[in-house]
Amino acid sequence: MTRLVILGGGVAGLSAWRRALELGCDVALVERCLRPGGLTRSIRVGGWVFDYTGHFLHLARTPDPGRLGVPRGAWRRVARRAGCLVAGRVIPAPFQYHLGALPEPARSACIDGVRDLLEARAPVVPESGEDLLSFFIRAFGPGVTDWFLRPYNEKLLATDLRSLSAARLNRFFPAPDPVAVRAGLTGGQDAATGIGATYNAAFWYPEGDGIGRLVDQLDPGLPHIPAEVTTVDLERRVVIARDAELPWDELISTIPLPELLRACGPEWARPADALNASGVAAFQLGVSGPPTELLGDRHWLYVPDPDLAFFRVGCYSNVSACLAPRGCHSLYVEVGFSGAPPAPGPLADRVLSELVRAGLLADPGKVEVLLQHVIQPAYVRFDAGWDATVPAVLDRLAALGVHGAGRWGRWDYLGMEDVILGARSLVDRLVRGPEGA
């Protein structure tokens, strides 16, 4: 029988654990927190339910959550209502498919920038060695880049886009669909609906609860080892976590790749230093009264304005009314950072002030709950260090019986569907062989 040890109890770790138990494996899960779940958990404060910022289940490969090993009936499909806040006006997302709805001078700058692109006969693809900013300008035009793609993504990733690889990120920024762009030039708010709004146009969310329900459904309900991994002895094939020594035939790691590498010993510390990611300071607000008119019934807004600290603001209670008391609404606000987390007090004051200035909060005095937590790492940076390190390191580790899974274990950007399916498939391959995956 294959002895499996799984590091990390987030969605990837729980999915692997559950699948291993289904296959009758000798398996142990090591998770530093007393409760598993990672960032896919919900926080309850009185009548409020907050997630660890906006977490939504987007499905592209499966028709419903039931195919992921969770009860389908406990979920509902939600048509996305997202927008982009530009110069005081909210236009529908995706930005590039609603250019005609922009206020001036953004409208003219963006439309002029895409006219030449609409004549192109083939999709724009990244050139060898091209950085992300250069690709944005070629693929979307200077106007769309300056008004949205550059400021928004530099706030989210907390770095200069010229340091990132276009080739690695191209799958998240496909070349624009000329038909959808043309439809959105006319100025109607819904001109491109059904044409350009094709990716992440809907998501799934738990019925009557927060996203933490997903963790509850994936968790097999067995005891895990609540300890932090201190050493991964690759030669002896032993994990040391606090006082426990856990032998393994195959090791699945879902903890951040730099943490795993440092636990493997000095030889692996140098590759760990080459890996970079942004952090996110996330604020949860419980507010009395309805959302502001500008936010309306939208689920979230992308905020590219470089003068505002946050890159995204979402409304939990617009997704599910049960997440806030009657007559109230709840928000999440995300601020990207690099390096050490910002001081919480001054940043909270700035966020509240700028929410008011942006028209997304009527009165700070109506905030009944204010929580802040730090997500670090948050978004992997696909820079030169990633290119030179991650593929080779993952291959070396796999040859030694250590397999990365999930967003952090593979040091990649993956949605929850990919994480769950990838973890289950990995267990199948390790236990049943390649034919069983």
Protein backbone atom coordinates (compact mmCIF):
# COMPACT_ATOMS: atom_id res chain seq x y z
CA MET A 1 0.00 0.00 0.00
CA THR A 2 1.33 3.44 -0.97
CA ARG A 3 2.11 5.63 2.04
CA LEU A 4 1.10 9.20 1.27
CA VAL A 5 1.83 12.33 3.28
CA ILE A 6 0.08 15.56 2.26
CA LEU A 7 1.40 18.95 3.34
CA GLY A 8 -1.17 21.72 3.66
CA GLY A 9 -4.90 21.52 4.32
CA GLY A 10 -6.34 24.01 1.87
CA VAL A 11 -8.60 23.06 -1.03
CA ALA A 12 -5.80 21.19 -2.81
CA GLY A 13 -4.69 19.28 0.29
CA LEU A 14 -8.23 18.37 1.32
CA SER A 15 -9.06 17.20 -2.20
CA ALA A 16 -5.97 15.00 -2.29
CA TRP A 17 -6.69 13.67 1.22
CA ARG A 18 -10.26 12.83 0.37
CA ARG A 19 -9.29 11.06 -2.85
CA ALA A 20 -6.52 9.10 -1.13
CA LEU A 21 -8.98 7.87 1.50
CA GLU A 22 -11.44 6.88 -1.23
CA LEU A 23 -8.69 4.73 -2.76
CA GLY A 24 -7.86 3.11 0.59
CA CYS A 25 -4.42 4.69 0.99
CA ASP A 26 -2.35 4.95 4.13
CA VAL A 27 -2.41 8.76 4.23
CA ALA A 28 -1.66 11.57 6.70
CA LEU A 29 -2.43 15.27 6.32
CA VAL A 30 -0.16 17.86 7.96
CA GLU A 31 -1.76 21.31 8.40
CA ARG A 32 -0.42 23.94 10.77
CA CYS A 33 -3.86 25.33 11.68
CA LEU A 34 -6.24 23.58 14.04
CA ARG A 35 -8.92 23.75 11.35
CA PRO A 36 -8.10 22.94 7.73
CA GLY A 37 -9.31 25.06 4.84
CA GLY A 38 -6.51 27.49 4.06
CA LEU A 39 -7.90 30.68 2.55
CA THR A 40 -11.18 29.06 1.53
CA ARG A 41 -12.81 29.65 4.87
CA SER A 42 -15.56 31.86 6.23
CA ILE A 43 -15.54 34.08 9.31
CA ARG A 44 -18.71 34.59 11.35
CA VAL A 45 -19.19 37.75 13.39
CA GLY A 46 -22.67 38.03 14.86
CA GLY A 47 -25.05 37.91 11.91
CA TRP A 48 -22.27 38.54 9.36
CA VAL A 49 -20.45 35.94 7.28
CA PHE A 50 -17.20 37.02 5.61
CA ASP A 51 -14.99 34.94 3.35
CA TYR A 52 -11.22 35.43 3.25
CA THR A 53 -11.92 37.99 0.48
CA GLY A 54 -13.85 37.06 -2.66
CA HIS A 55 -13.66 33.33 -3.41
CA PHE A 56 -15.97 32.00 -6.09
CA LEU A 57 -16.11 28.64 -7.83
CA HIS A 58 -15.73 29.18 -11.57
CA LEU A 59 -16.28 26.03 -13.61
CA ALA A 60 -14.92 25.51 -17.12
CA ARG A 61 -14.24 21.76 -17.22
CA THR A 62 -17.14 20.41 -15.19
CA PRO A 63 -20.87 21.18 -15.47
CA ASP A 64 -21.56 21.54 -11.75
CA PRO A 65 -19.83 21.18 -8.34
CA GLY A 66 -21.10 17.61 -7.98
CA ARG A 67 -18.35 16.51 -10.38
CA LEU A 68 -15.77 17.81 -7.91
CA GLY A 69 -16.79 15.48 -5.11
CA VAL A 70 -19.18 17.84 -3.29
CA PRO A 71 -23.02 17.77 -3.12
CA ARG A 72 -24.36 19.64 -6.13
CA GLY A 73 -27.63 20.55 -4.41
CA ALA A 74 -25.86 22.69 -1.82
CA TRP A 75 -24.71 25.14 -4.53
CA ARG A 76 -26.36 27.62 -6.86
CA ARG A 77 -25.17 29.05 -10.15
CA VAL A 78 -24.87 32.84 -10.18
CA ALA A 79 -24.67 35.03 -13.28
CA ARG A 80 -21.74 37.37 -12.70
CA ARG A 81 -22.45 41.07 -12.24
CA ALA A 82 -19.02 42.72 -12.32
CA GLY A 83 -17.89 46.15 -13.41
CA CYS A 84 -14.89 48.40 -13.83
CA LEU A 85 -14.81 51.72 -11.97
CA VAL A 86 -13.23 54.26 -14.31
CA ALA A 87 -13.24 58.02 -13.73
CA GLY A 88 -16.26 57.79 -11.46
CA ARG A 89 -18.33 55.63 -13.82
CA VAL A 90 -18.97 51.89 -13.66
CA ILE A 91 -18.88 50.07 -16.99
CA PRO A 92 -19.53 46.32 -17.35
CA ALA A 93 -16.64 43.89 -17.27
CA PRO A 94 -14.70 42.83 -19.30
CA PHE A 95 -13.31 46.34 -19.82
CA GLN A 96 -12.12 45.79 -23.41
CA TYR A 97 -15.59 44.80 -24.58
CA HIS A 98 -17.41 47.90 -23.31
CA LEU A 99 -15.19 50.74 -24.49
CA GLY A 100 -18.11 52.74 -25.84
CA ALA A 101 -19.53 53.06 -22.33
CA LEU A 102 -16.42 54.82 -21.00
CA PRO A 103 -16.45 58.51 -20.08
CA GLU A 104 -14.18 60.89 -21.95
CA PRO A 105 -11.23 61.15 -22.39
CA ALA A 106 -10.87 57.43 -21.65
CA ARG A 107 -13.38 56.53 -24.36
CA SER A 108 -11.55 58.23 -27.21
CA ALA A 109 -8.12 57.07 -26.04
CA CYS A 110 -9.20 53.43 -25.80
CA ILE A 111 -11.23 53.34 -29.02
CA ASP A 112 -8.48 55.02 -31.05
CA GLY A 113 -6.01 52.51 -29.68
CA VAL A 114 -7.97 49.45 -30.83
CA ARG A 115 -8.95 50.53 -34.35
CA ASP A 116 -5.77 49.16 -35.91
CA LEU A 117 -6.10 45.94 -33.92
CA LEU A 118 -9.54 45.31 -35.39
CA GLU A 119 -7.97 45.04 -38.84
CA ALA A 120 -5.57 42.31 -37.75
CA ARG A 121 -6.13 38.97 -39.43
CA ALA A 122 -4.65 36.79 -36.69
CA PRO A 123 -4.74 36.92 -32.88
CA VAL A 124 -1.83 38.68 -31.23
CA VAL A 125 0.44 36.23 -29.42
CA PRO A 126 3.44 36.97 -27.18
CA GLU A 127 6.81 37.19 -28.84
CA SER A 128 9.81 35.37 -27.44
CA GLY A 129 11.07 37.21 -24.36
CA GLU A 130 8.31 39.84 -24.50
CA ASP A 131 7.33 41.46 -21.23
CA LEU A 132 3.71 41.75 -20.15
CA LEU A 133 3.42 45.52 -20.59
CA SER A 134 4.71 45.38 -24.18
CA PHE A 135 2.29 42.56 -24.95
CA PHE A 136 -0.66 44.53 -23.53
CA ILE A 137 0.16 47.49 -25.75
CA ARG A 138 0.42 45.30 -28.86
CA ALA A 139 -2.64 43.16 -28.10
CA PHE A 140 -5.04 45.71 -26.60
CA GLY A 141 -3.65 49.10 -27.66
CA PRO A 142 -2.10 51.89 -25.59
CA GLY A 143 -5.44 53.32 -24.43
CA VAL A 144 -6.80 50.11 -22.89
CA THR A 145 -3.36 49.46 -21.41
CA ASP A 146 -3.02 52.92 -19.85
CA TRP A 147 -6.57 53.20 -18.56
CA PHE A 148 -7.04 49.70 -17.25
CA LEU A 149 -4.60 46.83 -17.83
CA ARG A 150 -1.45 48.48 -16.54
CA PRO A 151 -2.76 50.31 -13.44
CA TYR A 152 -5.07 47.50 -12.35
CA ASN A 153 -2.51 44.72 -12.69
CA GLU A 154 0.32 46.74 -11.18
CA LYS A 155 -1.84 47.29 -8.11
CA LEU A 156 -2.82 43.61 -7.96
CA LEU A 157 0.69 42.24 -8.53
CA ALA A 158 2.46 45.14 -6.77
CA THR A 159 5.23 45.25 -9.37
CA ASP A 160 6.21 46.77 -12.70
CA LEU A 161 4.63 44.78 -15.54
CA ARG A 162 7.85 45.08 -17.51
CA SER A 163 9.38 42.54 -15.11
CA LEU A 164 6.79 39.85 -15.95
CA SER A 165 6.69 37.32 -18.76
CA ALA A 166 3.93 37.73 -21.32
CA ALA A 167 4.22 34.10 -22.38
CA ARG A 168 3.34 32.80 -18.90
CA LEU A 169 0.41 35.16 -18.38
CA ASN A 170 -1.07 35.09 -21.86
CA ARG A 171 -3.63 32.44 -20.87
CA PHE A 172 -5.20 34.97 -18.47
CA PHE A 173 -5.22 37.79 -21.03
CA PRO A 174 -6.28 36.26 -24.35
CA ALA A 175 -6.15 38.52 -27.39
CA PRO A 176 -9.42 40.47 -27.66
CA ASP A 177 -12.26 39.15 -29.80
CA PRO A 178 -12.71 41.72 -32.62
CA VAL A 179 -16.46 40.98 -32.88
CA ALA A 180 -16.97 41.70 -29.18
CA VAL A 181 -14.79 44.81 -29.29
CA ARG A 182 -16.79 46.22 -32.23
CA ALA A 183 -20.06 45.48 -30.44
CA GLY A 184 -18.84 47.38 -27.40
CA LEU A 185 -17.81 50.49 -29.33
CA THR A 186 -21.39 51.68 -29.82
CA GLY A 187 -21.69 52.91 -26.27
CA GLY A 188 -24.51 50.79 -24.94
CA GLN A 189 -23.82 49.37 -21.49
CA ASP A 190 -24.86 45.90 -22.66
CA ALA A 191 -23.67 46.11 -26.26
CA ALA A 192 -21.22 43.24 -25.90
CA THR A 193 -23.17 41.10 -23.47
CA GLY A 194 -23.19 37.51 -24.64
CA ILE A 195 -20.26 38.15 -26.99
CA GLY A 196 -17.38 39.46 -24.95
CA ALA A 197 -18.54 38.40 -21.52
CA THR A 198 -17.57 34.80 -22.17
CA TYR A 199 -14.98 34.02 -19.49
CA ASN A 200 -16.07 33.68 -15.87
CA ALA A 201 -19.53 34.88 -16.90
CA ALA A 202 -21.04 32.75 -14.13
CA PHE A 203 -19.85 31.17 -10.91
CA TRP A 204 -21.12 28.79 -8.23
CA TYR A 205 -21.60 29.72 -4.60
CA PRO A 206 -22.91 27.79 -1.58
CA GLU A 207 -26.61 28.01 -0.89
CA GLY A 208 -27.24 29.78 2.42
CA ASP A 209 -23.61 29.96 3.54
CA GLY A 210 -20.15 31.33 2.76
CA ILE A 211 -17.42 29.71 0.65
CA GLY A 212 -16.23 27.89 3.76
CA ARG A 213 -18.98 25.38 2.96
CA LEU A 214 -16.67 24.01 0.25
CA VAL A 215 -14.06 23.14 2.88
CA ASP A 216 -16.70 21.49 5.05
CA GLN A 217 -17.76 19.33 2.10
CA LEU A 218 -14.20 18.36 1.12
CA ASP A 219 -13.04 17.63 4.66
CA PRO A 220 -13.36 13.89 5.36
CA GLY A 221 -13.81 14.65 9.06
CA LEU A 222 -10.78 12.72 10.26
CA PRO A 223 -8.01 14.07 12.52
CA HIS A 224 -5.08 15.74 10.81
CA ILE A 225 -1.65 16.50 12.25
CA PRO A 226 -1.80 20.13 13.49
CA ALA A 227 1.85 21.04 13.12
CA GLU A 228 4.16 23.09 10.96
CA VAL A 229 6.57 21.23 8.72
CA THR A 230 10.15 21.86 9.83
CA THR A 231 12.11 19.34 7.75
CA VAL A 232 11.58 17.28 4.61
CA ASP A 233 14.32 14.66 4.55
CA LEU A 234 14.50 13.69 0.90
CA GLU A 235 17.07 10.93 1.44
CA ARG A 236 15.19 9.13 4.23
CA ARG A 237 11.77 10.07 2.84
CA VAL A 238 10.60 11.43 6.17
CA VAL A 239 8.66 14.58 7.06
CA ILE A 240 9.36 16.12 10.46
CA ALA A 241 6.49 18.19 11.85
CA ARG A 242 6.92 19.24 15.46
CA ASP A 243 7.67 15.97 17.29
CA ALA A 244 6.28 13.66 14.63
CA GLU A 245 8.32 11.80 12.00
CA LEU A 246 6.18 10.72 9.09
CA PRO A 247 7.63 8.27 6.55
CA TRP A 248 6.30 8.44 3.02
CA ASP A 249 6.51 6.69 -0.32
CA GLU A 250 5.04 9.69 -2.10
CA LEU A 251 4.75 13.23 -0.73
CA ILE A 252 2.19 15.75 -1.98
CA SER A 253 2.96 19.36 -1.07
CA THR A 254 0.36 22.11 -1.31
CA ILE A 255 2.22 24.55 0.94
CA PRO A 256 3.98 27.51 -0.76
CA LEU A 257 6.84 26.18 -2.86
CA PRO A 258 9.47 28.43 -1.20
CA GLU A 259 8.50 27.00 2.22
CA LEU A 260 8.84 23.45 0.95
CA LEU A 261 12.22 24.15 -0.62
CA ARG A 262 13.63 25.67 2.57
CA ALA A 263 12.38 22.66 4.55
CA CYS A 264 14.30 20.41 2.14
CA GLY A 265 17.64 21.83 3.28
CA PRO A 266 20.32 24.41 2.38
CA GLU A 267 20.79 23.07 -1.14
CA TRP A 268 17.21 24.07 -1.97
CA ALA A 269 17.16 27.47 -0.26
CA ARG A 270 18.72 29.35 -3.16
CA PRO A 271 15.97 28.40 -5.65
CA ALA A 272 13.41 29.45 -3.02
CA ASP A 273 14.91 32.95 -2.91
CA ALA A 274 14.26 33.36 -6.65
CA LEU A 275 10.47 33.03 -6.28
CA ASN A 276 8.29 36.10 -5.89
CA ALA A 277 4.65 36.86 -5.16
CA SER A 278 2.59 39.85 -4.15
CA GLY A 279 0.63 40.05 -0.92
CA VAL A 280 -2.90 41.27 -0.31
CA ALA A 281 -4.19 43.20 2.67
CA ALA A 282 -7.87 42.23 2.77
CA PHE A 283 -10.53 44.24 4.60
CA GLN A 284 -13.97 42.94 5.56
CA LEU A 285 -16.65 45.54 6.22
CA GLY A 286 -20.10 45.04 7.70
CA VAL A 287 -22.12 48.17 6.90
CA SER A 288 -25.61 49.18 7.98
CA GLY A 289 -27.94 50.22 5.18
CA PRO A 290 -27.93 49.24 1.49
CA PRO A 291 -24.94 49.47 -0.87
CA THR A 292 -24.25 52.85 -2.45
CA GLU A 293 -25.92 53.68 -5.74
CA LEU A 294 -22.61 53.35 -7.58
CA LEU A 295 -22.04 49.81 -6.33
CA GLY A 296 -25.71 48.86 -6.72
CA ASP A 297 -26.33 45.13 -7.06
CA ARG A 298 -22.91 44.30 -8.49
CA HIS A 299 -20.87 41.44 -7.10
CA TRP A 300 -17.51 43.17 -7.49
CA LEU A 301 -15.74 46.08 -9.15
CA TYR A 302 -12.26 46.26 -10.64
CA VAL A 303 -10.60 49.53 -9.66
CA PRO A 304 -7.68 50.60 -11.88
CA ASP A 305 -7.36 54.17 -10.54
CA PRO A 306 -3.73 54.45 -9.31
CA ASP A 307 -4.77 57.10 -6.77
CA LEU A 308 -6.92 54.55 -4.91
CA ALA A 309 -5.12 51.96 -2.79
CA PHE A 310 -7.47 49.07 -3.53
CA PHE A 311 -7.64 47.13 -6.80
CA ARG A 312 -10.96 45.36 -6.18
CA VAL A 313 -14.06 45.92 -4.07
CA GLY A 314 -16.77 43.29 -3.76
CA CYS A 315 -20.11 42.95 -2.05
CA TYR A 316 -20.69 39.59 -0.35
CA SER A 317 -24.34 40.32 0.38
CA ASN A 318 -25.02 40.99 -3.31
CA VAL A 319 -23.86 37.43 -3.97
CA SER A 320 -25.96 35.95 -1.17
CA ALA A 321 -28.27 37.98 1.06
CA CYS A 322 -27.74 35.56 3.96
CA LEU A 323 -24.18 36.85 4.42
CA ALA A 324 -25.34 40.07 6.13
CA PRO A 325 -28.13 40.95 8.56
CA ARG A 326 -31.35 42.27 7.04
CA GLY A 327 -31.02 45.91 6.03
CA CYS A 328 -27.21 45.74 5.89
CA HIS A 329 -24.53 44.93 3.35
CA SER A 330 -21.01 43.50 3.52
CA LEU A 331 -17.92 44.38 1.52
CA TYR A 332 -14.45 43.01 0.87
CA VAL A 333 -11.66 45.35 -0.19
CA GLU A 334 -8.31 44.17 -1.54
CA VAL A 335 -5.03 46.10 -1.46
CA GLY A 336 -1.92 44.65 -3.09
CA PHE A 337 1.53 45.10 -1.55
CA SER A 338 5.10 43.98 -1.99
CA GLY A 339 7.45 42.98 0.82
CA ALA A 340 6.37 43.44 4.42
CA PRO A 341 2.63 43.94 5.07
CA PRO A 342 1.57 47.58 5.50
CA ALA A 343 0.73 48.88 8.96
CA PRO A 344 -2.93 47.99 9.53
CA GLY A 345 -4.15 51.17 11.25
CA PRO A 346 -3.06 53.80 8.70
CA LEU A 347 -4.05 51.58 5.77
CA ALA A 348 -7.53 50.98 7.23
CA ASP A 349 -8.02 54.74 7.63
CA ARG A 350 -6.93 55.30 4.03
CA VAL A 351 -9.19 52.55 2.70
CA LEU A 352 -12.26 53.93 4.47
CA SER A 353 -11.52 57.47 3.27
CA GLU A 354 -10.98 56.36 -0.32
CA LEU A 355 -14.10 54.18 -0.34
CA VAL A 356 -16.09 57.30 0.52
CA ARG A 357 -14.27 59.37 -2.12
CA ALA A 358 -14.89 56.69 -4.75
CA GLY A 359 -18.62 56.53 -3.94
CA LEU A 360 -18.48 52.97 -2.58
CA LEU A 361 -19.17 53.81 1.08
CA ALA A 362 -21.72 56.39 2.15
CA ASP A 363 -20.55 57.00 5.71
CA PRO A 364 -17.66 55.42 7.69
CA GLY A 365 -19.85 55.80 10.77
CA LYS A 366 -22.13 53.08 9.39
CA VAL A 367 -19.37 50.48 9.44
CA GLU A 368 -20.38 48.05 12.18
CA VAL A 369 -17.65 45.43 11.56
CA LEU A 370 -14.13 46.03 10.26
CA LEU A 371 -11.72 43.11 9.96
CA GLN A 372 -8.33 42.99 8.34
CA HIS A 373 -6.09 40.05 7.50
CA VAL A 374 -3.06 39.53 5.33
CA ILE A 375 -2.78 37.02 2.48
CA GLN A 376 0.87 36.36 1.77
CA PRO A 377 1.69 35.01 -0.74
CA ALA A 378 -1.33 36.09 -2.78
CA TYR A 379 -0.47 36.26 -6.50
CA VAL A 380 2.54 34.54 -8.04
CA ARG A 381 4.74 36.74 -10.20
CA PHE A 382 5.75 35.09 -13.45
CA ASP A 383 9.11 36.81 -13.74
CA ALA A 384 12.60 35.72 -14.76
CA GLY A 385 13.02 33.93 -11.44
CA TRP A 386 9.91 31.85 -12.12
CA ASP A 387 11.08 30.87 -15.59
CA ALA A 388 14.53 29.87 -14.38
CA THR A 389 13.37 28.01 -11.29
CA VAL A 390 9.87 26.55 -11.09
CA PRO A 391 9.71 24.04 -13.96
CA ALA A 392 13.16 22.60 -13.18
CA VAL A 393 12.58 22.45 -9.41
CA LEU A 394 9.21 20.74 -9.74
CA ASP A 395 10.75 18.13 -12.04
CA ARG A 396 13.67 17.52 -9.65
CA LEU A 397 11.33 17.12 -6.70
CA ALA A 398 8.99 14.78 -8.58
CA ALA A 399 11.93 12.52 -9.39
CA LEU A 400 12.50 12.28 -5.61
CA GLY A 401 8.87 11.45 -4.87
CA VAL A 402 7.74 14.98 -3.94
CA HIS A 403 4.85 16.36 -5.98
CA GLY A 404 3.53 19.90 -5.99
CA ALA A 405 -0.23 20.38 -6.09
CA GLY A 406 -2.51 23.38 -6.04
CA ARG A 407 -1.83 27.03 -6.51
CA TRP A 408 1.01 27.29 -4.03
CA GLY A 409 2.48 23.84 -4.33
CA ARG A 410 2.98 24.40 -8.05
CA TRP A 411 3.65 28.13 -7.62
CA ASP A 412 1.12 28.95 -10.32
CA TYR A 413 -2.16 30.79 -10.79
CA LEU A 414 -5.00 28.27 -10.68
CA GLY A 415 -8.73 28.46 -10.04
CA MET A 416 -10.42 26.22 -7.49
CA GLU A 417 -11.75 23.85 -10.16
CA ASP A 418 -8.24 23.25 -11.52
CA VAL A 419 -6.90 22.83 -7.99
CA ILE A 420 -9.48 20.20 -7.01
CA LEU A 421 -9.29 18.23 -10.25
CA GLY A 422 -5.50 18.44 -10.32
CA ALA A 423 -5.13 17.16 -6.75
CA ARG A 424 -7.49 14.24 -7.33
CA SER A 425 -5.79 13.33 -10.60
CA LEU A 426 -2.35 13.44 -8.96
CA VAL A 427 -3.45 10.97 -6.27
CA ASP A 428 -4.90 8.67 -8.92
CA ARG A 429 -1.62 8.73 -10.83
CA LEU A 430 0.51 8.07 -7.75
CA VAL A 431 -1.67 5.22 -6.47
CA ARG A 432 -3.01 3.65 -9.66
CA GLY A 433 -0.27 4.56 -12.10
CA PRO A 434 -0.50 6.74 -15.24
CA GLU A 435 -3.32 4.63 -16.68
CA GLY A 436 -5.50 5.27 -13.63
CA ALA A 437 -5.21 9.06 -13.65
